[in-house]
PDB file of N, CA and C in Angstrom:
ATOM      1  N   VAL A   1     139.696 206.508 169.361  1.00  0.00           N
ATOM      2  CA  VAL A   1     139.640 206.499 167.901  1.00  0.00           C
ATOM      3  C   VAL A   1     141.038 206.200 167.358  1.00  0.00           C
ATOM      4  N   GLN A   2     141.097 205.248 166.467  1.00  0.00           N
ATOM      5  CA  GLN A   2     142.369 204.923 165.811  1.00  0.00           C
ATOM      6  C   GLN A   2     142.285 205.347 164.350  1.00  0.00           C
ATOM      7  N   LEU A   3     143.360 205.917 163.860  1.00  0.00           N
ATOM      8  CA  LEU A   3     143.423 206.403 162.482  1.00  0.00           C
ATOM      9  C   LEU A   3     144.601 205.759 161.769  1.00  0.00           C
ATOM     10  N   GLN A   4     144.362 205.337 160.555  1.00  0.00           N
ATOM     11  CA  GLN A   4     145.405 204.694 159.755  1.00  0.00           C
ATOM     12  C   GLN A   4     145.453 205.375 158.398  1.00  0.00           C
ATOM     13  N   ALA A   5     146.519 206.092 158.151  1.00  0.00           N
ATOM     14  CA  ALA A   5     146.690 206.769 156.868  1.00  0.00           C
ATOM     15  C   ALA A   5     147.474 205.893 155.907  1.00  0.00           C
ATOM     16  N   SER A   6     147.131 205.998 154.634  1.00  0.00           N
ATOM     17  CA  SER A   6     147.838 205.228 153.614  1.00  0.00           C
ATOM     18  C   SER A   6     147.736 205.945 152.265  1.00  0.00           C
ATOM     19  N   GLY A   7     148.492 205.443 151.307  1.00  0.00           N
ATOM     20  CA  GLY A   7     148.390 205.976 149.958  1.00  0.00           C
ATOM     21  C   GLY A   7     149.548 206.846 149.509  1.00  0.00           C
ATOM     22  N   GLY A   8     150.485 207.115 150.397  1.00  0.00           N
ATOM     23  CA  GLY A   8     151.630 207.924 150.008  1.00  0.00           C
ATOM     24  C   GLY A   8     152.550 207.183 149.055  1.00  0.00           C
ATOM     25  N   GLY A   9     153.494 207.919 148.501  1.00  0.00           N
ATOM     26  CA  GLY A   9     154.443 207.306 147.594  1.00  0.00           C
ATOM     27  C   GLY A   9     155.286 208.343 146.896  1.00  0.00           C
ATOM     28  N   LEU A  10     156.069 207.862 145.940  1.00  0.00           N
ATOM     29  CA  LEU A  10     156.943 208.727 145.146  1.00  0.00           C
ATOM     30  C   LEU A  10     156.285 208.981 143.796  1.00  0.00           C
ATOM     31  N   VAL A  11     156.060 210.237 143.490  1.00  0.00           N
ATOM     32  CA  VAL A  11     155.445 210.617 142.224  1.00  0.00           C
ATOM     33  C   VAL A  11     156.238 211.755 141.605  1.00  0.00           C
ATOM     34  N   GLN A  12     155.915 212.048 140.355  1.00  0.00           N
ATOM     35  CA  GLN A  12     156.551 213.164 139.677  1.00  0.00           C
ATOM     36  C   GLN A  12     155.658 214.406 139.734  1.00  0.00           C
ATOM     37  N   ALA A  13     156.264 215.550 139.582  1.00  0.00           N
ATOM     38  CA  ALA A  13     155.507 216.797 139.559  1.00  0.00           C
ATOM     39  C   ALA A  13     154.431 216.723 138.487  1.00  0.00           C
ATOM     40  N   GLY A  14     153.233 217.173 138.841  1.00  0.00           N
ATOM     41  CA  GLY A  14     152.109 217.123 137.931  1.00  0.00           C
ATOM     42  C   GLY A  14     151.236 215.893 138.083  1.00  0.00           C
ATOM     43  N   ASP A  15     151.737 214.891 138.789  1.00  0.00           N
ATOM     44  CA  ASP A  15     150.971 213.665 139.002  1.00  0.00           C
ATOM     45  C   ASP A  15     149.899 213.861 140.070  1.00  0.00           C
ATOM     46  N   SER A  16     149.053 212.855 140.204  1.00  0.00           N
ATOM     47  CA  SER A  16     148.001 212.856 141.216  1.00  0.00           C
ATOM     48  C   SER A  16     148.214 211.696 142.180  1.00  0.00           C
ATOM     49  N   LEU A  17     147.655 211.852 143.354  1.00  0.00           N
ATOM     50  CA  LEU A  17     147.758 210.820 144.382  1.00  0.00           C
ATOM     51  C   LEU A  17     146.529 210.943 145.270  1.00  0.00           C
ATOM     52  N   ARG A  18     146.038 209.815 145.733  1.00  0.00           N
ATOM     53  CA  ARG A  18     144.923 209.852 146.667  1.00  0.00           C
ATOM     54  C   ARG A  18     145.337 209.204 147.981  1.00  0.00           C
ATOM     55  N   LEU A  19     145.237 209.947 149.048  1.00  0.00           N
ATOM     56  CA  LEU A  19     145.514 209.428 150.380  1.00  0.00           C
ATOM     57  C   LEU A  19     144.213 208.959 151.017  1.00  0.00           C
ATOM     58  N   SER A  20     144.322 207.934 151.822  1.00  0.00           N
ATOM     59  CA  SER A  20     143.166 207.397 152.534  1.00  0.00           C
ATOM     60  C   SER A  20     143.451 207.392 154.024  1.00  0.00           C
ATOM     61  N   CYS A  21     142.400 207.559 154.793  1.00  0.00           N
ATOM     62  CA  CYS A  21     142.502 207.482 156.246  1.00  0.00           C
ATOM     63  C   CYS A  21     141.339 206.647 156.753  1.00  0.00           C
ATOM     64  N   ALA A  22     141.661 205.537 157.386  1.00  0.00           N
ATOM     65  CA  ALA A  22     140.645 204.656 157.953  1.00  0.00           C
ATOM     66  C   ALA A  22     140.506 204.951 159.433  1.00  0.00           C
ATOM     67  N   ALA A  23     139.292 205.208 159.859  1.00  0.00           N
ATOM     68  CA  ALA A  23     139.014 205.479 161.269  1.00  0.00           C
ATOM     69  C   ALA A  23     138.310 204.278 161.882  1.00  0.00           C
ATOM     70  N   SER A  24     138.655 203.986 163.130  1.00  0.00           N
ATOM     71  CA  SER A  24     138.015 202.881 163.823  1.00  0.00           C
ATOM     72  C   SER A  24     137.959 203.186 165.315  1.00  0.00           C
ATOM     73  N   GLY A  25     137.038 202.488 165.991  1.00  0.00           N
ATOM     74  CA  GLY A  25     136.973 202.622 167.431  1.00  0.00           C
ATOM     75  C   GLY A  25     136.369 203.934 167.906  1.00  0.00           C
ATOM     76  N   GLY A  26     135.058 203.995 168.062  1.00  0.00           N
ATOM     77  CA  GLY A  26     134.439 205.204 168.584  1.00  0.00           C
ATOM     78  C   GLY A  26     134.283 206.306 167.580  1.00  0.00           C
ATOM     79  N   THR A  27     134.075 205.946 166.326  1.00  0.00           N
ATOM     80  CA  THR A  27     133.943 206.974 165.293  1.00  0.00           C
ATOM     81  C   THR A  27     132.699 207.835 165.466  1.00  0.00           C
ATOM     82  N   PHE A  28     131.756 207.363 166.272  1.00  0.00           N
ATOM     83  CA  PHE A  28     130.557 208.152 166.524  1.00  0.00           C
ATOM     84  C   PHE A  28     130.891 209.464 167.226  1.00  0.00           C
ATOM     85  N   SER A  29     132.053 209.539 167.847  1.00  0.00           N
ATOM     86  CA  SER A  29     132.433 210.728 168.600  1.00  0.00           C
ATOM     87  C   SER A  29     133.156 211.769 167.751  1.00  0.00           C
ATOM     88  N   ILE A  30     133.407 211.443 166.484  1.00  0.00           N
ATOM     89  CA  ILE A  30     134.156 212.352 165.625  1.00  0.00           C
ATOM     90  C   ILE A  30     133.256 213.457 165.089  1.00  0.00           C
ATOM     91  N   TYR A  31     133.748 214.702 165.125  1.00  0.00           N
ATOM     92  CA  TYR A  31     133.037 215.825 164.521  1.00  0.00           C
ATOM     93  C   TYR A  31     133.760 216.373 163.303  1.00  0.00           C
ATOM     94  N   PHE A  32     135.072 216.334 163.333  1.00  0.00           N
ATOM     95  CA  PHE A  32     135.845 216.835 162.208  1.00  0.00           C
ATOM     96  C   PHE A  32     136.980 215.863 161.908  1.00  0.00           C
ATOM     97  N   MET A  33     137.341 215.816 160.645  1.00  0.00           N
ATOM     98  CA  MET A  33     138.532 215.096 160.223  1.00  0.00           C
ATOM     99  C   MET A  33     139.399 216.061 159.443  1.00  0.00           C
ATOM    100  N   GLY A  34     140.686 215.940 159.639  1.00  0.00           N
ATOM    101  CA  GLY A  34     141.596 216.840 158.939  1.00  0.00           C
ATOM    102  C   GLY A  34     142.805 216.122 158.393  1.00  0.00           C
ATOM    103  N   TRP A  35     143.402 216.722 157.389  1.00  0.00           N
ATOM    104  CA  TRP A  35     144.694 216.288 156.863  1.00  0.00           C
ATOM    105  C   TRP A  35     145.711 217.392 157.144  1.00  0.00           C
ATOM    106  N   PHE A  36     146.820 216.994 157.669  1.00  0.00           N
ATOM    107  CA  PHE A  36     147.941 217.896 157.919  1.00  0.00           C
ATOM    108  C   PHE A  36     149.173 217.312 157.229  1.00  0.00           C
ATOM    109  N   ARG A  37     150.180 218.130 157.085  1.00  0.00           N
ATOM    110  CA  ARG A  37     151.441 217.622 156.556  1.00  0.00           C
ATOM    111  C   ARG A  37     152.602 218.298 157.267  1.00  0.00           C
ATOM    112  N   GLN A  38     153.718 217.591 157.249  1.00  0.00           N
ATOM    113  CA  GLN A  38     154.918 218.106 157.891  1.00  0.00           C
ATOM    114  C   GLN A  38     156.123 217.759 157.049  1.00  0.00           C
ATOM    115  N   ALA A  39     156.778 218.786 156.546  1.00  0.00           N
ATOM    116  CA  ALA A  39     158.007 218.603 155.789  1.00  0.00           C
ATOM    117  C   ALA A  39     159.191 218.628 156.754  1.00  0.00           C
ATOM    118  N   PRO A  40     160.329 218.060 156.384  1.00  0.00           N
ATOM    119  CA  PRO A  40     161.506 218.050 157.268  1.00  0.00           C
ATOM    120  C   PRO A  40     161.878 219.460 157.705  1.00  0.00           C
ATOM    121  N   GLY A  41     162.036 219.631 159.013  1.00  0.00           N
ATOM    122  CA  GLY A  41     162.427 220.923 159.536  1.00  0.00           C
ATOM    123  C   GLY A  41     161.323 221.955 159.605  1.00  0.00           C
ATOM    124  N   GLU A  42     160.121 221.540 159.228  1.00  0.00           N
ATOM    125  CA  GLU A  42     158.994 222.476 159.224  1.00  0.00           C
ATOM    126  C   GLU A  42     157.964 222.067 160.273  1.00  0.00           C
ATOM    127  N   GLU A  43     157.101 223.006 160.585  1.00  0.00           N
ATOM    128  CA  GLU A  43     156.018 222.704 161.504  1.00  0.00           C
ATOM    129  C   GLU A  43     154.894 221.977 160.756  1.00  0.00           C
ATOM    130  N   ARG A  44     154.098 221.277 161.502  1.00  0.00           N
ATOM    131  CA  ARG A  44     152.948 220.597 160.913  1.00  0.00           C
ATOM    132  C   ARG A  44     151.937 221.651 160.488  1.00  0.00           C
ATOM    133  N   GLU A  45     151.430 221.517 159.270  1.00  0.00           N
ATOM    134  CA  GLU A  45     150.509 222.525 158.760  1.00  0.00           C
ATOM    135  C   GLU A  45     149.224 221.902 158.260  1.00  0.00           C
ATOM    136  N   PHE A  46     148.168 222.665 158.368  1.00  0.00           N
ATOM    137  CA  PHE A  46     146.855 222.242 157.923  1.00  0.00           C
ATOM    138  C   PHE A  46     146.803 222.172 156.406  1.00  0.00           C
ATOM    139  N   VAL A  47     146.172 221.124 155.905  1.00  0.00           N
ATOM    140  CA  VAL A  47     145.995 220.956 154.465  1.00  0.00           C
ATOM    141  C   VAL A  47     144.519 221.072 154.096  1.00  0.00           C
ATOM    142  N   ALA A  48     143.704 220.264 154.733  1.00  0.00           N
ATOM    143  CA  ALA A  48     142.271 220.256 154.429  1.00  0.00           C
ATOM    144  C   ALA A  48     141.522 219.602 155.580  1.00  0.00           C
ATOM    145  N   GLY A  49     140.255 219.949 155.713  1.00  0.00           N
ATOM    146  CA  GLY A  49     139.441 219.352 156.764  1.00  0.00           C
ATOM    147  C   GLY A  49     137.990 219.253 156.335  1.00  0.00           C
ATOM    148  N   ILE A  50     137.265 218.396 157.019  1.00  0.00           N
ATOM    149  CA  ILE A  50     135.873 218.173 156.665  1.00  0.00           C
ATOM    150  C   ILE A  50     135.076 217.836 157.918  1.00  0.00           C
ATOM    151  N   LYS A  51     133.842 218.273 157.920  1.00  0.00           N
ATOM    152  CA  LYS A  51     132.965 217.909 159.014  1.00  0.00           C
ATOM    153  C   LYS A  51     132.499 216.476 158.800  1.00  0.00           C
ATOM    154  N   TRP A  52     132.489 215.700 159.865  1.00  0.00           N
ATOM    155  CA  TRP A  52     132.252 214.263 159.740  1.00  0.00           C
ATOM    156  C   TRP A  52     130.852 213.934 159.253  1.00  0.00           C
ATOM    157  N   THR A  53     129.865 214.747 159.639  1.00  0.00           N
ATOM    158  CA  THR A  53     128.487 214.446 159.272  1.00  0.00           C
ATOM    159  C   THR A  53     127.824 215.547 158.475  1.00  0.00           C
ATOM    160  N   ALA A  54     128.605 216.380 157.847  1.00  0.00           N
ATOM    161  CA  ALA A  54     128.034 217.452 157.016  1.00  0.00           C
ATOM    162  C   ALA A  54     128.987 217.708 155.864  1.00  0.00           C
ATOM    163  N   SER A  55     128.663 218.683 155.042  1.00  0.00           N
ATOM    164  CA  SER A  55     129.453 218.927 153.839  1.00  0.00           C
ATOM    165  C   SER A  55     130.488 220.026 154.008  1.00  0.00           C
ATOM    166  N   ASN A  56     130.604 220.564 155.224  1.00  0.00           N
ATOM    167  CA  ASN A  56     131.572 221.643 155.441  1.00  0.00           C
ATOM    168  C   ASN A  56     132.989 221.152 155.182  1.00  0.00           C
ATOM    169  N   THR A  57     133.700 221.890 154.353  1.00  0.00           N
ATOM    170  CA  THR A  57     135.105 221.603 154.107  1.00  0.00           C
ATOM    171  C   THR A  57     135.909 222.893 154.234  1.00  0.00           C
ATOM    172  N   ARG A  58     137.195 222.713 154.384  1.00  0.00           N
ATOM    173  CA  ARG A  58     138.080 223.868 154.497  1.00  0.00           C
ATOM    174  C   ARG A  58     139.433 223.465 153.953  1.00  0.00           C
ATOM    175  N   TYR A  59     140.083 224.380 153.263  1.00  0.00           N
ATOM    176  CA  TYR A  59     141.376 224.086 152.660  1.00  0.00           C
ATOM    177  C   TYR A  59     142.371 225.189 152.982  1.00  0.00           C
ATOM    178  N   ALA A  60     143.622 224.802 153.051  1.00  0.00           N
ATOM    179  CA  ALA A  60     144.685 225.784 153.104  1.00  0.00           C
ATOM    180  C   ALA A  60     144.724 226.494 151.752  1.00  0.00           C
ATOM    181  N   ASP A  61     145.072 227.764 151.754  1.00  0.00           N
ATOM    182  CA  ASP A  61     145.044 228.562 150.527  1.00  0.00           C
ATOM    183  C   ASP A  61     145.904 227.953 149.423  1.00  0.00           C
ATOM    184  N   SER A  62     147.036 227.382 149.792  1.00  0.00           N
ATOM    185  CA  SER A  62     147.956 226.850 148.782  1.00  0.00           C
ATOM    186  C   SER A  62     147.420 225.584 148.112  1.00  0.00           C
ATOM    187  N   GLU A  63     146.408 224.947 148.714  1.00  0.00           N
ATOM    188  CA  GLU A  63     145.890 223.704 148.167  1.00  0.00           C
ATOM    189  C   GLU A  63     144.545 223.866 147.466  1.00  0.00           C
ATOM    190  N   LYS A  64     143.953 225.033 147.584  1.00  0.00           N
ATOM    191  CA  LYS A  64     142.647 225.242 146.976  1.00  0.00           C
ATOM    192  C   LYS A  64     142.722 225.013 145.473  1.00  0.00           C
ATOM    193  N   GLY A  65     141.813 224.210 144.981  1.00  0.00           N
ATOM    194  CA  GLY A  65     141.770 223.923 143.558  1.00  0.00           C
ATOM    195  C   GLY A  65     142.594 222.723 143.150  1.00  0.00           C
ATOM    196  N   ARG A  66     143.534 222.306 143.978  1.00  0.00           N
ATOM    197  CA  ARG A  66     144.362 221.137 143.651  1.00  0.00           C
ATOM    198  C   ARG A  66     143.994 219.920 144.493  1.00  0.00           C
ATOM    199  N   PHE A  67     143.629 220.158 145.740  1.00  0.00           N
ATOM    200  CA  PHE A  67     143.323 219.064 146.658  1.00  0.00           C
ATOM    201  C   PHE A  67     141.825 219.037 146.952  1.00  0.00           C
ATOM    202  N   THR A  68     141.312 217.844 147.135  1.00  0.00           N
ATOM    203  CA  THR A  68     139.914 217.676 147.493  1.00  0.00           C
ATOM    204  C   THR A  68     139.798 216.656 148.617  1.00  0.00           C
ATOM    205  N   ILE A  69     139.138 217.049 149.682  1.00  0.00           N
ATOM    206  CA  ILE A  69     138.900 216.131 150.793  1.00  0.00           C
ATOM    207  C   ILE A  69     137.482 215.594 150.675  1.00  0.00           C
ATOM    208  N   SER A  70     137.311 214.332 150.994  1.00  0.00           N
ATOM    209  CA  SER A  70     135.993 213.716 150.961  1.00  0.00           C
ATOM    210  C   SER A  70     135.928 212.641 152.043  1.00  0.00           C
ATOM    211  N   ARG A  71     134.743 212.172 152.296  1.00  0.00           N
ATOM    212  CA  ARG A  71     134.572 211.153 153.333  1.00  0.00           C
ATOM    213  C   ARG A  71     133.536 210.131 152.899  1.00  0.00           C
ATOM    214  N   ASP A  72     133.639 208.969 153.486  1.00  0.00           N
ATOM    215  CA  ASP A  72     132.675 207.896 153.284  1.00  0.00           C
ATOM    216  C   ASP A  72     132.326 207.394 154.677  1.00  0.00           C
ATOM    217  N   ASN A  73     131.242 207.918 155.213  1.00  0.00           N
ATOM    218  CA  ASN A  73     130.889 207.582 156.580  1.00  0.00           C
ATOM    219  C   ASN A  73     130.570 206.094 156.750  1.00  0.00           C
ATOM    220  N   ALA A  74     129.996 205.510 155.735  1.00  0.00           N
ATOM    221  CA  ALA A  74     129.637 204.088 155.823  1.00  0.00           C
ATOM    222  C   ALA A  74     130.873 203.224 156.016  1.00  0.00           C
ATOM    223  N   ARG A  75     131.983 203.663 155.448  1.00  0.00           N
ATOM    224  CA  ARG A  75     133.231 202.903 155.565  1.00  0.00           C
ATOM    225  C   ARG A  75     134.197 203.521 156.565  1.00  0.00           C
ATOM    226  N   ASN A  76     133.789 204.620 157.196  1.00  0.00           N
ATOM    227  CA  ASN A  76     134.653 205.323 158.154  1.00  0.00           C
ATOM    228  C   ASN A  76     135.983 205.706 157.507  1.00  0.00           C
ATOM    229  N   MET A  77     135.874 206.268 156.316  1.00  0.00           N
ATOM    230  CA  MET A  77     137.074 206.632 155.562  1.00  0.00           C
ATOM    231  C   MET A  77     137.059 208.118 155.220  1.00  0.00           C
ATOM    232  N   VAL A  78     138.221 208.709 155.186  1.00  0.00           N
ATOM    233  CA  VAL A  78     138.413 210.065 154.684  1.00  0.00           C
ATOM    234  C   VAL A  78     139.510 210.010 153.638  1.00  0.00           C
ATOM    235  N   TYR A  79     139.324 210.766 152.576  1.00  0.00           N
ATOM    236  CA  TYR A  79     140.270 210.746 151.468  1.00  0.00           C
ATOM    237  C   TYR A  79     140.799 212.151 151.187  1.00  0.00           C
ATOM    238  N   LEU A  80     141.985 212.184 150.641  1.00  0.00           N
ATOM    239  CA  LEU A  80     142.551 213.444 150.162  1.00  0.00           C
ATOM    240  C   LEU A  80     143.047 213.199 148.739  1.00  0.00           C
ATOM    241  N   GLN A  81     142.307 213.721 147.786  1.00  0.00           N
ATOM    242  CA  GLN A  81     142.720 213.643 146.400  1.00  0.00           C
ATOM    243  C   GLN A  81     143.627 214.815 146.093  1.00  0.00           C
ATOM    244  N   MET A  82     144.833 214.505 145.657  1.00  0.00           N
ATOM    245  CA  MET A  82     145.823 215.550 145.393  1.00  0.00           C
ATOM    246  C   MET A  82     146.183 215.525 143.911  1.00  0.00           C
ATOM    247  N   ASN A  83     145.920 216.604 143.226  1.00  0.00           N
ATOM    248  CA  ASN A  83     146.204 216.722 141.809  1.00  0.00           C
ATOM    249  C   ASN A  83     147.297 217.753 141.560  1.00  0.00           C
ATOM    250  N   ASN A  84     147.929 217.634 140.408  1.00  0.00           N
ATOM    251  CA  ASN A  84     148.972 218.588 140.020  1.00  0.00           C
ATOM    252  C   ASN A  84     149.978 218.788 141.152  1.00  0.00           C
ATOM    253  N   LEU A  85     150.508 217.687 141.624  1.00  0.00           N
ATOM    254  CA  LEU A  85     151.432 217.752 142.755  1.00  0.00           C
ATOM    255  C   LEU A  85     152.706 218.499 142.389  1.00  0.00           C
ATOM    256  N   LYS A  86     153.242 219.190 143.390  1.00  0.00           N
ATOM    257  CA  LYS A  86     154.456 219.981 143.219  1.00  0.00           C
ATOM    258  C   LYS A  86     155.517 219.477 144.184  1.00  0.00           C
ATOM    259  N   PRO A  87     156.787 219.716 143.878  1.00  0.00           N
ATOM    260  CA  PRO A  87     157.838 219.277 144.811  1.00  0.00           C
ATOM    261  C   PRO A  87     157.643 219.830 146.224  1.00  0.00           C
ATOM    262  N   GLU A  88     157.074 221.010 146.346  1.00  0.00           N
ATOM    263  CA  GLU A  88     156.858 221.577 147.679  1.00  0.00           C
ATOM    264  C   GLU A  88     155.732 220.892 148.449  1.00  0.00           C
ATOM    265  N   ASP A  89     155.033 219.974 147.811  1.00  0.00           N
ATOM    266  CA  ASP A  89     154.033 219.168 148.509  1.00  0.00           C
ATOM    267  C   ASP A  89     154.669 217.972 149.224  1.00  0.00           C
ATOM    268  N   THR A  90     155.947 217.775 149.028  1.00  0.00           N
ATOM    269  CA  THR A  90     156.649 216.671 149.677  1.00  0.00           C
ATOM    270  C   THR A  90     156.599 216.830 151.188  1.00  0.00           C
ATOM    271  N   ALA A  91     156.091 215.810 151.860  1.00  0.00           N
ATOM    272  CA  ALA A  91     155.932 215.864 153.308  1.00  0.00           C
ATOM    273  C   ALA A  91     155.364 214.536 153.791  1.00  0.00           C
ATOM    274  N   VAL A  92     155.359 214.379 155.092  1.00  0.00           N
ATOM    275  CA  VAL A  92     154.585 213.299 155.707  1.00  0.00           C
ATOM    276  C   VAL A  92     153.185 213.851 155.947  1.00  0.00           C
ATOM    277  N   TYR A  93     152.189 213.134 155.464  1.00  0.00           N
ATOM    278  CA  TYR A  93     150.806 213.558 155.592  1.00  0.00           C
ATOM    279  C   TYR A  93     150.133 212.765 156.702  1.00  0.00           C
ATOM    280  N   TYR A  94     149.456 213.494 157.572  1.00  0.00           N
ATOM    281  CA  TYR A  94     148.771 212.896 158.716  1.00  0.00           C
ATOM    282  C   TYR A  94     147.272 213.169 158.638  1.00  0.00           C
ATOM    283  N   CYS A  95     146.486 212.183 159.025  1.00  0.00           N
ATOM    284  CA  CYS A  95     145.076 212.450 159.215  1.00  0.00           C
ATOM    285  C   CYS A  95     144.815 212.599 160.716  1.00  0.00           C
ATOM    286  N   ALA A  96     143.817 213.381 161.036  1.00  0.00           N
ATOM    287  CA  ALA A  96     143.523 213.688 162.426  1.00  0.00           C
ATOM    288  C   ALA A  96     142.021 213.783 162.617  1.00  0.00           C
ATOM    289  N   ALA A  97     141.588 213.572 163.842  1.00  0.00           N
ATOM    290  CA  ALA A  97     140.167 213.629 164.175  1.00  0.00           C
ATOM    291  C   ALA A  97     139.958 214.491 165.405  1.00  0.00           C
ATOM    292  N   LYS A  98     138.864 215.233 165.356  1.00  0.00           N
ATOM    293  CA  LYS A  98     138.498 216.093 166.489  1.00  0.00           C
ATOM    294  C   LYS A  98     137.135 215.665 166.978  1.00  0.00           C
ATOM    295  N   LYS A  99     137.013 215.489 168.278  1.00  0.00           N
ATOM    296  CA  LYS A  99     135.758 214.980 168.831  1.00  0.00           C
ATOM    297  C   LYS A  99     134.886 216.055 169.427  1.00  0.00           C
ATOM    298  N   THR A 100     135.391 217.281 169.522  1.00  0.00           N
ATOM    299  CA  THR A 100     134.603 218.363 170.099  1.00  0.00           C
ATOM    300  C   THR A 100     133.777 219.018 169.013  1.00  0.00           C
ATOM    301  N   PRO A 101     132.487 219.200 169.225  1.00  0.00           N
ATOM    302  CA  PRO A 101     131.655 219.802 168.176  1.00  0.00           C
ATOM    303  C   PRO A 101     132.001 221.262 167.948  1.00  0.00           C
ATOM    304  N   GLY A 102     131.687 221.728 166.759  1.00  0.00           N
ATOM    305  CA  GLY A 102     131.921 223.111 166.391  1.00  0.00           C
ATOM    306  C   GLY A 102     131.296 223.415 165.054  1.00  0.00           C
ATOM    307  N   TRP A 103     131.395 224.655 164.626  1.00  0.00           N
ATOM    308  CA  TRP A 103     130.800 225.032 163.349  1.00  0.00           C
ATOM    309  C   TRP A 103     131.810 224.983 162.218  1.00  0.00           C
ATOM    310  N   TYR A 104     132.985 225.553 162.450  1.00  0.00           N
ATOM    311  CA  TYR A 104     133.987 225.630 161.400  1.00  0.00           C
ATOM    312  C   TYR A 104     135.054 224.555 161.571  1.00  0.00           C
ATOM    313  N   VAL A 105     135.569 224.079 160.469  1.00  0.00           N
ATOM    314  CA  VAL A 105     136.640 223.097 160.513  1.00  0.00           C
ATOM    315  C   VAL A 105     137.879 223.737 161.128  1.00  0.00           C
ATOM    316  N   PRO A 106     138.422 223.175 162.177  1.00  0.00           N
ATOM    317  CA  PRO A 106     139.592 223.782 162.828  1.00  0.00           C
ATOM    318  C   PRO A 106     140.842 223.709 161.953  1.00  0.00           C
ATOM    319  N   LEU A 107     141.661 224.754 162.062  1.00  0.00           N
ATOM    320  CA  LEU A 107     142.900 224.818 161.311  1.00  0.00           C
ATOM    321  C   LEU A 107     144.115 224.400 162.134  1.00  0.00           C
ATOM    322  N   SER A 108     144.004 224.507 163.425  1.00  0.00           N
ATOM    323  CA  SER A 108     145.153 224.277 164.291  1.00  0.00           C
ATOM    324  C   SER A 108     145.292 222.806 164.649  1.00  0.00           C
ATOM    325  N   ALA A 109     146.514 222.296 164.534  1.00  0.00           N
ATOM    326  CA  ALA A 109     146.772 220.899 164.883  1.00  0.00           C
ATOM    327  C   ALA A 109     146.431 220.624 166.339  1.00  0.00           C
ATOM    328  N   GLY A 110     146.609 221.626 167.190  1.00  0.00           N
ATOM    329  CA  GLY A 110     146.345 221.441 168.608  1.00  0.00           C
ATOM    330  C   GLY A 110     144.888 221.200 168.950  1.00  0.00           C
ATOM    331  N   GLU A 111     144.010 221.478 168.018  1.00  0.00           N
ATOM    332  CA  GLU A 111     142.584 221.277 168.279  1.00  0.00           C
ATOM    333  C   GLU A 111     142.130 219.853 167.968  1.00  0.00           C
ATOM    334  N   TYR A 112     142.973 219.068 167.376  1.00  0.00           N
ATOM    335  CA  TYR A 112     142.601 217.707 167.030  1.00  0.00           C
ATOM    336  C   TYR A 112     143.039 216.741 168.116  1.00  0.00           C
ATOM    337  N   ASP A 113     142.214 215.741 168.336  1.00  0.00           N
ATOM    338  CA  ASP A 113     142.418 214.848 169.474  1.00  0.00           C
ATOM    339  C   ASP A 113     143.134 213.541 169.112  1.00  0.00           C
ATOM    340  N   PHE A 114     142.981 213.092 167.894  1.00  0.00           N
ATOM    341  CA  PHE A 114     143.540 211.800 167.501  1.00  0.00           C
ATOM    342  C   PHE A 114     144.314 211.961 166.204  1.00  0.00           C
ATOM    343  N   TRP A 115     145.396 211.190 166.098  1.00  0.00           N
ATOM    344  CA  TRP A 115     146.270 211.294 164.941  1.00  0.00           C
ATOM    345  C   TRP A 115     146.627 209.920 164.407  1.00  0.00           C
ATOM    346  N   GLY A 116     146.742 209.844 163.091  1.00  0.00           N
ATOM    347  CA  GLY A 116     147.267 208.653 162.461  1.00  0.00           C
ATOM    348  C   GLY A 116     148.785 208.714 162.424  1.00  0.00           C
ATOM    349  N   GLN A 117     149.394 207.671 161.884  1.00  0.00           N
ATOM    350  CA  GLN A 117     150.839 207.552 161.920  1.00  0.00           C
ATOM    351  C   GLN A 117     151.546 208.299 160.806  1.00  0.00           C
ATOM    352  N   GLY A 118     150.837 208.762 159.811  1.00  0.00           N
ATOM    353  CA  GLY A 118     151.445 209.509 158.722  1.00  0.00           C
ATOM    354  C   GLY A 118     151.812 208.633 157.545  1.00  0.00           C
ATOM    355  N   THR A 119     151.743 209.229 156.370  1.00  0.00           N
ATOM    356  CA  THR A 119     152.160 208.549 155.150  1.00  0.00           C
ATOM    357  C   THR A 119     152.994 209.530 154.333  1.00  0.00           C
ATOM    358  N   LEU A 120     154.118 209.058 153.814  1.00  0.00           N
ATOM    359  CA  LEU A 120     155.072 209.937 153.151  1.00  0.00           C
ATOM    360  C   LEU A 120     154.710 210.135 151.684  1.00  0.00           C
ATOM    361  N   VAL A 121     154.662 211.390 151.300  1.00  0.00           N
ATOM    362  CA  VAL A 121     154.472 211.759 149.900  1.00  0.00           C
ATOM    363  C   VAL A 121     155.727 212.479 149.430  1.00  0.00           C
ATOM    364  N   THR A 122     156.325 211.960 148.373  1.00  0.00           N
ATOM    365  CA  THR A 122     157.518 212.574 147.808  1.00  0.00           C
ATOM    366  C   THR A 122     157.239 212.923 146.357  1.00  0.00           C
ATOM    367  N   VAL A 123     157.410 214.184 146.016  1.00  0.00           N
ATOM    368  CA  VAL A 123     157.149 214.644 144.657  1.00  0.00           C
ATOM    369  C   VAL A 123     158.469 215.091 144.046  1.00  0.00           C
ATOM    370  N   SER A 124     158.878 214.418 143.003  1.00  0.00           N
ATOM    371  CA  SER A 124     160.131 214.767 142.347  1.00  0.00           C
ATOM    372  C   SER A 124     159.875 215.742 141.206  1.00  0.00           C
ATOM    373  N   SER A 125     160.869 216.566 140.960  1.00  0.00           N
ATOM    374  CA  SER A 125     160.715 217.586 139.905  1.00  0.00           C
ATOM    375  C   SER A 125     161.144 217.059 138.548  1.00  0.00           C
TER     376      SER A 125
END
């Protein structure tokens, strides 16, 4: 499975941004898709995740109400709509895919099998 993240950029605090992740190559094996982010000097952290063929979603507490994850299976796309962005949201955002079935969207980066290259989001104050 190959993942290509896009949509990052430089925005001001309070602005919105939508990230996209295109999946290709063996997408039938995907069970979960997730968005993670990594700020300089920080560990990679979970942002949001979604079950590939169901409506189950999961969000990090700090993003609840501001971020929305969605998917378009027909286009093999996953999106992360980010509203009311804050300077602390500045990070490289990665999309990831997990091929092992399960009930709950995994939170740990180590549980995901495939990763995109990341897209940089910079939020100025």
